[in-house]
Amino acid sequence: MIGEFAELFDWLRAATSGWRFLFSSSYRNSTLARWKSNAWYYISWDIICGFSGIAFSILIAAGIIYLIFYS
């Protein structure tokens, strides 16, 4: 049970990483410093997860707005 909560927390943290990269200069600087020592495929995976997190959160917000105003 605790392991599932930890995994859920990791997924939520990954889902918000794109927004954190856009709006937090300290997170962006630490991420860029970490990327300097990583391979390109780790960096690509971080970028894909960041874009996906932003896209899914926008889709969820748009779905909620759609349900509120058009249902």
PDB file of N, CA and C in Angstrom:
ATOM      1  N   MET A   1       0.812  -1.191   0.000  1.00  0.00           N
ATOM      2  CA  MET A   1       0.000   0.000   0.000  1.00  0.00           C
ATOM      3  C   MET A   1       0.859   1.260   0.000  1.00  0.00           C
ATOM      4  N   ILE A   2       1.893   1.270   0.812  1.00  0.00           N
ATOM      5  CA  ILE A   2       2.762   2.437   0.877  1.00  0.00           C
ATOM      6  C   ILE A   2       3.543   2.581  -0.432  1.00  0.00           C
ATOM      7  N   GLY A   3       3.927   1.457  -1.012  1.00  0.00           N
ATOM      8  CA  GLY A   3       4.647   1.488  -2.280  1.00  0.00           C
ATOM      9  C   GLY A   3       3.826   2.100  -3.400  1.00  0.00           C
ATOM     10  N   GLU A   4       2.524   1.837  -3.399  1.00  0.00           N
ATOM     11  CA  GLU A   4       1.650   2.412  -4.428  1.00  0.00           C
ATOM     12  C   GLU A   4       1.542   3.919  -4.270  1.00  0.00           C
ATOM     13  N   PHE A   5       1.463   4.392  -3.014  1.00  0.00           N
ATOM     14  CA  PHE A   5       1.412   5.833  -2.786  1.00  0.00           C
ATOM     15  C   PHE A   5       2.712   6.501  -3.216  1.00  0.00           C
ATOM     16  N   ALA A   6       3.830   5.844  -2.971  1.00  0.00           N
ATOM     17  CA  ALA A   6       5.113   6.390  -3.388  1.00  0.00           C
ATOM     18  C   ALA A   6       5.197   6.465  -4.913  1.00  0.00           C
ATOM     19  N   GLU A   7       4.698   5.427  -5.575  1.00  0.00           N
ATOM     20  CA  GLU A   7       4.706   5.438  -7.040  1.00  0.00           C
ATOM     21  C   GLU A   7       3.772   6.516  -7.586  1.00  0.00           C
ATOM     22  N   LEU A   8       2.611   6.668  -6.957  1.00  0.00           N
ATOM     23  CA  LEU A   8       1.681   7.723  -7.359  1.00  0.00           C
ATOM     24  C   LEU A   8       2.322   9.099  -7.189  1.00  0.00           C
ATOM     25  N   PHE A   9       3.032   9.299  -6.093  1.00  0.00           N
ATOM     26  CA  PHE A   9       3.731  10.561  -5.859  1.00  0.00           C
ATOM     27  C   PHE A   9       4.784  10.805  -6.930  1.00  0.00           C
ATOM     28  N   ASP A  10       5.521   9.763  -7.303  1.00  0.00           N
ATOM     29  CA  ASP A  10       6.524   9.896  -8.364  1.00  0.00           C
ATOM     30  C   ASP A  10       5.881  10.282  -9.693  1.00  0.00           C
ATOM     31  N   TRP A  11       4.733   9.681 -10.016  1.00  0.00           N
ATOM     32  CA  TRP A  11       4.039  10.022 -11.263  1.00  0.00           C
ATOM     33  C   TRP A  11       3.524  11.462 -11.229  1.00  0.00           C
ATOM     34  N   LEU A  12       3.005  11.896 -10.103  1.00  0.00           N
ATOM     35  CA  LEU A  12       2.528  13.277  -9.991  1.00  0.00           C
ATOM     36  C   LEU A  12       3.676  14.273 -10.093  1.00  0.00           C
ATOM     37  N   ARG A  13       4.803  13.918  -9.500  1.00  0.00           N
ATOM     38  CA  ARG A  13       5.976  14.780  -9.591  1.00  0.00           C
ATOM     39  C   ARG A  13       6.474  14.855 -11.040  1.00  0.00           C
ATOM     40  N   ALA A  14       6.451  13.743 -11.742  1.00  0.00           N
ATOM     41  CA  ALA A  14       6.856  13.734 -13.153  1.00  0.00           C
ATOM     42  C   ALA A  14       5.869  14.511 -14.011  1.00  0.00           C
ATOM     43  N   ALA A  15       4.594  14.429 -13.676  1.00  0.00           N
ATOM     44  CA  ALA A  15       3.573  15.132 -14.457  1.00  0.00           C
ATOM     45  C   ALA A  15       3.677  16.639 -14.301  1.00  0.00           C
ATOM     46  N   THR A  16       4.167  17.105 -13.159  1.00  0.00           N
ATOM     47  CA  THR A  16       4.287  18.552 -12.950  1.00  0.00           C
ATOM     48  C   THR A  16       5.658  19.093 -13.324  1.00  0.00           C
ATOM     49  N   SER A  17       6.554  18.235 -13.762  1.00  0.00           N
ATOM     50  CA  SER A  17       7.917  18.697 -14.053  1.00  0.00           C
ATOM     51  C   SER A  17       7.970  19.693 -15.202  1.00  0.00           C
ATOM     52  N   GLY A  18       7.098  19.555 -16.179  1.00  0.00           N
ATOM     53  CA  GLY A  18       7.076  20.510 -17.289  1.00  0.00           C
ATOM     54  C   GLY A  18       6.692  21.901 -16.838  1.00  0.00           C
ATOM     55  N   TRP A  19       5.667  21.972 -15.975  1.00  0.00           N
ATOM     56  CA  TRP A  19       5.259  23.275 -15.448  1.00  0.00           C
ATOM     57  C   TRP A  19       6.334  23.858 -14.552  1.00  0.00           C
ATOM     58  N   ARG A  20       6.957  23.011 -13.748  1.00  0.00           N
ATOM     59  CA  ARG A  20       8.031  23.502 -12.876  1.00  0.00           C
ATOM     60  C   ARG A  20       9.194  24.022 -13.705  1.00  0.00           C
ATOM     61  N   PHE A  21       9.518  23.351 -14.799  1.00  0.00           N
ATOM     62  CA  PHE A  21      10.615  23.799 -15.652  1.00  0.00           C
ATOM     63  C   PHE A  21      10.298  25.170 -16.260  1.00  0.00           C
ATOM     64  N   LEU A  22       9.034  25.384 -16.632  1.00  0.00           N
ATOM     65  CA  LEU A  22       8.656  26.664 -17.236  1.00  0.00           C
ATOM     66  C   LEU A  22       8.645  27.816 -16.240  1.00  0.00           C
ATOM     67  N   PHE A  23       8.197  27.556 -15.024  1.00  0.00           N
ATOM     68  CA  PHE A  23       7.935  28.659 -14.098  1.00  0.00           C
ATOM     69  C   PHE A  23       8.904  28.787 -12.935  1.00  0.00           C
ATOM     70  N   SER A  24       9.744  27.823 -12.685  1.00  0.00           N
ATOM     71  CA  SER A  24      10.679  27.880 -11.560  1.00  0.00           C
ATOM     72  C   SER A  24      12.111  27.945 -12.081  1.00  0.00           C
ATOM     73  N   SER A  25      12.740  29.093 -11.879  1.00  0.00           N
ATOM     74  CA  SER A  25      14.106  29.247 -12.385  1.00  0.00           C
ATOM     75  C   SER A  25      15.086  28.346 -11.636  1.00  0.00           C
ATOM     76  N   SER A  26      14.877  28.127 -10.353  1.00  0.00           N
ATOM     77  CA  SER A  26      15.793  27.255  -9.614  1.00  0.00           C
ATOM     78  C   SER A  26      15.670  25.811 -10.083  1.00  0.00           C
ATOM     79  N   TYR A  27      14.442  25.346 -10.332  1.00  0.00           N
ATOM     80  CA  TYR A  27      14.261  23.983 -10.852  1.00  0.00           C
ATOM     81  C   TYR A  27      14.854  23.873 -12.255  1.00  0.00           C
ATOM     82  N   ARG A  28      14.646  24.881 -13.080  1.00  0.00           N
ATOM     83  CA  ARG A  28      15.188  24.872 -14.440  1.00  0.00           C
ATOM     84  C   ARG A  28      16.710  24.823 -14.418  1.00  0.00           C
ATOM     85  N   ASN A  29      17.337  25.631 -13.554  1.00  0.00           N
ATOM     86  CA  ASN A  29      18.801  25.630 -13.477  1.00  0.00           C
ATOM     87  C   ASN A  29      19.342  24.293 -12.982  1.00  0.00           C
ATOM     88  N   SER A  30      18.673  23.692 -11.993  1.00  0.00           N
ATOM     89  CA  SER A  30      19.148  22.393 -11.508  1.00  0.00           C
ATOM     90  C   SER A  30      18.940  21.304 -12.555  1.00  0.00           C
ATOM     91  N   THR A  31      17.847  21.392 -13.315  1.00  0.00           N
ATOM     92  CA  THR A  31      17.595  20.410 -14.366  1.00  0.00           C
ATOM     93  C   THR A  31      18.623  20.540 -15.485  1.00  0.00           C
ATOM     94  N   LEU A  32      18.920  21.758 -15.884  1.00  0.00           N
ATOM     95  CA  LEU A  32      19.919  21.959 -16.940  1.00  0.00           C
ATOM     96  C   LEU A  32      21.298  21.494 -16.494  1.00  0.00           C
ATOM     97  N   ALA A  33      21.630  21.715 -15.230  1.00  0.00           N
ATOM     98  CA  ALA A  33      22.917  21.233 -14.711  1.00  0.00           C
ATOM     99  C   ALA A  33      22.957  19.707 -14.698  1.00  0.00           C
ATOM    100  N   ARG A  34      21.828  19.075 -14.353  1.00  0.00           N
ATOM    101  CA  ARG A  34      21.767  17.604 -14.341  1.00  0.00           C
ATOM    102  C   ARG A  34      21.865  17.060 -15.753  1.00  0.00           C
ATOM    103  N   TRP A  35      21.273  17.764 -16.708  1.00  0.00           N
ATOM    104  CA  TRP A  35      21.290  17.305 -18.091  1.00  0.00           C
ATOM    105  C   TRP A  35      22.692  17.333 -18.687  1.00  0.00           C
ATOM    106  N   LYS A  36      23.547  18.188 -18.186  1.00  0.00           N
ATOM    107  CA  LYS A  36      24.905  18.269 -18.743  1.00  0.00           C
ATOM    108  C   LYS A  36      25.682  16.972 -18.540  1.00  0.00           C
ATOM    109  N   SER A  37      25.304  16.214 -17.511  1.00  0.00           N
ATOM    110  CA  SER A  37      26.037  14.974 -17.235  1.00  0.00           C
ATOM    111  C   SER A  37      25.262  13.727 -17.658  1.00  0.00           C
ATOM    112  N   ASN A  38      24.093  13.899 -18.251  1.00  0.00           N
ATOM    113  CA  ASN A  38      23.282  12.750 -18.664  1.00  0.00           C
ATOM    114  C   ASN A  38      23.410  12.481 -20.156  1.00  0.00           C
ATOM    115  N   ALA A  39      23.044  11.272 -20.533  1.00  0.00           N
ATOM    116  CA  ALA A  39      23.022  10.893 -21.947  1.00  0.00           C
ATOM    117  C   ALA A  39      21.803  11.512 -22.622  1.00  0.00           C
ATOM    118  N   TRP A  40      21.841  11.583 -23.935  1.00  0.00           N
ATOM    119  CA  TRP A  40      20.778  12.252 -24.687  1.00  0.00           C
ATOM    120  C   TRP A  40      19.426  11.579 -24.516  1.00  0.00           C
ATOM    121  N   TYR A  41      19.420  10.250 -24.343  1.00  0.00           N
ATOM    122  CA  TYR A  41      18.136   9.557 -24.228  1.00  0.00           C
ATOM    123  C   TYR A  41      17.472   9.822 -22.879  1.00  0.00           C
ATOM    124  N   TYR A  42      18.241  10.070 -21.819  1.00  0.00           N
ATOM    125  CA  TYR A  42      17.637  10.467 -20.547  1.00  0.00           C
ATOM    126  C   TYR A  42      17.037  11.873 -20.654  1.00  0.00           C
ATOM    127  N   ILE A  43      17.754  12.740 -21.339  1.00  0.00           N
ATOM    128  CA  ILE A  43      17.264  14.104 -21.539  1.00  0.00           C
ATOM    129  C   ILE A  43      15.996  14.078 -22.381  1.00  0.00           C
ATOM    130  N   SER A  44      15.991  13.284 -23.441  1.00  0.00           N
ATOM    131  CA  SER A  44      14.805  13.167 -24.292  1.00  0.00           C
ATOM    132  C   SER A  44      13.613  12.654 -23.504  1.00  0.00           C
ATOM    133  N   TRP A  45      13.842  11.683 -22.645  1.00  0.00           N
ATOM    134  CA  TRP A  45      12.749  11.139 -21.842  1.00  0.00           C
ATOM    135  C   TRP A  45      12.192  12.207 -20.894  1.00  0.00           C
ATOM    136  N   ASP A  46      13.060  13.002 -20.274  1.00  0.00           N
ATOM    137  CA  ASP A  46      12.608  14.084 -19.407  1.00  0.00           C
ATOM    138  C   ASP A  46      11.778  15.100 -20.185  1.00  0.00           C
ATOM    139  N   ILE A  47      12.198  15.419 -21.391  1.00  0.00           N
ATOM    140  CA  ILE A  47      11.465  16.387 -22.210  1.00  0.00           C
ATOM    141  C   ILE A  47      10.106  15.833 -22.621  1.00  0.00           C
ATOM    142  N   ILE A  48      10.073  14.573 -23.027  1.00  0.00           N
ATOM    143  CA  ILE A  48       8.799  13.942 -23.407  1.00  0.00           C
ATOM    144  C   ILE A  48       7.839  13.922 -22.218  1.00  0.00           C
ATOM    145  N   CYS A  49       8.329  13.560 -21.046  1.00  0.00           N
ATOM    146  CA  CYS A  49       7.473  13.537 -19.855  1.00  0.00           C
ATOM    147  C   CYS A  49       6.993  14.935 -19.496  1.00  0.00           C
ATOM    148  N   GLY A  50       7.859  15.928 -19.643  1.00  0.00           N
ATOM    149  CA  GLY A  50       7.451  17.298 -19.349  1.00  0.00           C
ATOM    150  C   GLY A  50       6.354  17.786 -20.272  1.00  0.00           C
ATOM    151  N   PHE A  51       6.530  17.571 -21.577  1.00  0.00           N
ATOM    152  CA  PHE A  51       5.491  17.951 -22.534  1.00  0.00           C
ATOM    153  C   PHE A  51       4.197  17.177 -22.308  1.00  0.00           C
ATOM    154  N   SER A  52       4.317  15.908 -22.005  1.00  0.00           N
ATOM    155  CA  SER A  52       3.125  15.096 -21.758  1.00  0.00           C
ATOM    156  C   SER A  52       2.366  15.578 -20.530  1.00  0.00           C
ATOM    157  N   GLY A  53       3.087  15.907 -19.475  1.00  0.00           N
ATOM    158  CA  GLY A  53       2.450  16.416 -18.270  1.00  0.00           C
ATOM    159  C   GLY A  53       1.708  17.710 -18.518  1.00  0.00           C
ATOM    160  N   ILE A  54       2.316  18.607 -19.289  1.00  0.00           N
ATOM    161  CA  ILE A  54       1.649  19.865 -19.629  1.00  0.00           C
ATOM    162  C   ILE A  54       0.419  19.597 -20.489  1.00  0.00           C
ATOM    163  N   ALA A  55       0.564  18.760 -21.500  1.00  0.00           N
ATOM    164  CA  ALA A  55      -0.558  18.476 -22.402  1.00  0.00           C
ATOM    165  C   ALA A  55      -1.716  17.813 -21.662  1.00  0.00           C
ATOM    166  N   PHE A  56      -1.432  16.819 -20.815  1.00  0.00           N
ATOM    167  CA  PHE A  56      -2.501  16.138 -20.097  1.00  0.00           C
ATOM    168  C   PHE A  56      -3.182  17.050 -19.093  1.00  0.00           C
ATOM    169  N   SER A  57      -2.430  17.917 -18.427  1.00  0.00           N
ATOM    170  CA  SER A  57      -3.076  18.821 -17.470  1.00  0.00           C
ATOM    171  C   SER A  57      -3.957  19.831 -18.190  1.00  0.00           C
ATOM    172  N   ILE A  58      -3.543  20.289 -19.367  1.00  0.00           N
ATOM    173  CA  ILE A  58      -4.392  21.195 -20.157  1.00  0.00           C
ATOM    174  C   ILE A  58      -5.639  20.456 -20.630  1.00  0.00           C
ATOM    175  N   LEU A  59      -5.479  19.209 -21.066  1.00  0.00           N
ATOM    176  CA  LEU A  59      -6.640  18.428 -21.500  1.00  0.00           C
ATOM    177  C   LEU A  59      -7.625  18.181 -20.359  1.00  0.00           C
ATOM    178  N   ILE A  60      -7.127  17.907 -19.178  1.00  0.00           N
ATOM    179  CA  ILE A  60      -8.008  17.701 -18.028  1.00  0.00           C
ATOM    180  C   ILE A  60      -8.756  18.992 -17.703  1.00  0.00           C
ATOM    181  N   ALA A  61      -8.048  20.120 -17.695  1.00  0.00           N
ATOM    182  CA  ALA A  61      -8.703  21.398 -17.416  1.00  0.00           C
ATOM    183  C   ALA A  61      -9.740  21.721 -18.490  1.00  0.00           C
ATOM    184  N   ALA A  62      -9.408  21.470 -19.755  1.00  0.00           N
ATOM    185  CA  ALA A  62     -10.362  21.720 -20.839  1.00  0.00           C
ATOM    186  C   ALA A  62     -11.572  20.797 -20.714  1.00  0.00           C
ATOM    187  N   GLY A  63     -11.365  19.556 -20.323  1.00  0.00           N
ATOM    188  CA  GLY A  63     -12.476  18.632 -20.127  1.00  0.00           C
ATOM    189  C   GLY A  63     -13.395  19.064 -19.002  1.00  0.00           C
ATOM    190  N   ILE A  64     -12.817  19.533 -17.919  1.00  0.00           N
ATOM    191  CA  ILE A  64     -13.637  20.012 -16.800  1.00  0.00           C
ATOM    192  C   ILE A  64     -14.423  21.249 -17.214  1.00  0.00           C
ATOM    193  N   ILE A  65     -13.776  22.176 -17.921  1.00  0.00           N
ATOM    194  CA  ILE A  65     -14.479  23.371 -18.397  1.00  0.00           C
ATOM    195  C   ILE A  65     -15.579  22.990 -19.358  1.00  0.00           C
ATOM    196  N   TYR A  66     -15.314  22.037 -20.222  1.00  0.00           N
ATOM    197  CA  TYR A  66     -16.345  21.573 -21.161  1.00  0.00           C
ATOM    198  C   TYR A  66     -17.539  20.988 -20.411  1.00  0.00           C
ATOM    199  N   LEU A  67     -17.259  20.175 -19.414  1.00  0.00           N
ATOM    200  CA  LEU A  67     -18.344  19.566 -18.634  1.00  0.00           C
ATOM    201  C   LEU A  67     -19.164  20.610 -17.889  1.00  0.00           C
ATOM    202  N   ILE A  68     -18.505  21.631 -17.379  1.00  0.00           N
ATOM    203  CA  ILE A  68     -19.206  22.663 -16.617  1.00  0.00           C
ATOM    204  C   ILE A  68     -20.103  23.494 -17.537  1.00  0.00           C
ATOM    205  N   PHE A  69     -19.584  23.918 -18.662  1.00  0.00           N
ATOM    206  CA  PHE A  69     -20.306  24.879 -19.495  1.00  0.00           C
ATOM    207  C   PHE A  69     -21.194  24.237 -20.574  1.00  0.00           C
ATOM    208  N   TYR A  70     -20.889  23.005 -20.962  1.00  0.00           N
ATOM    209  CA  TYR A  70     -21.621  22.410 -22.084  1.00  0.00           C
ATOM    210  C   TYR A  70     -22.411  21.161 -21.702  1.00  0.00           C
ATOM    211  N   SER A  71     -22.568  20.891 -20.436  1.00  0.00           N
ATOM    212  CA  SER A  71     -23.352  19.723 -20.031  1.00  0.00           C
ATOM    213  C   SER A  71     -24.711  20.139 -19.533  1.00  0.00           C
TER     214      SER A  71
END
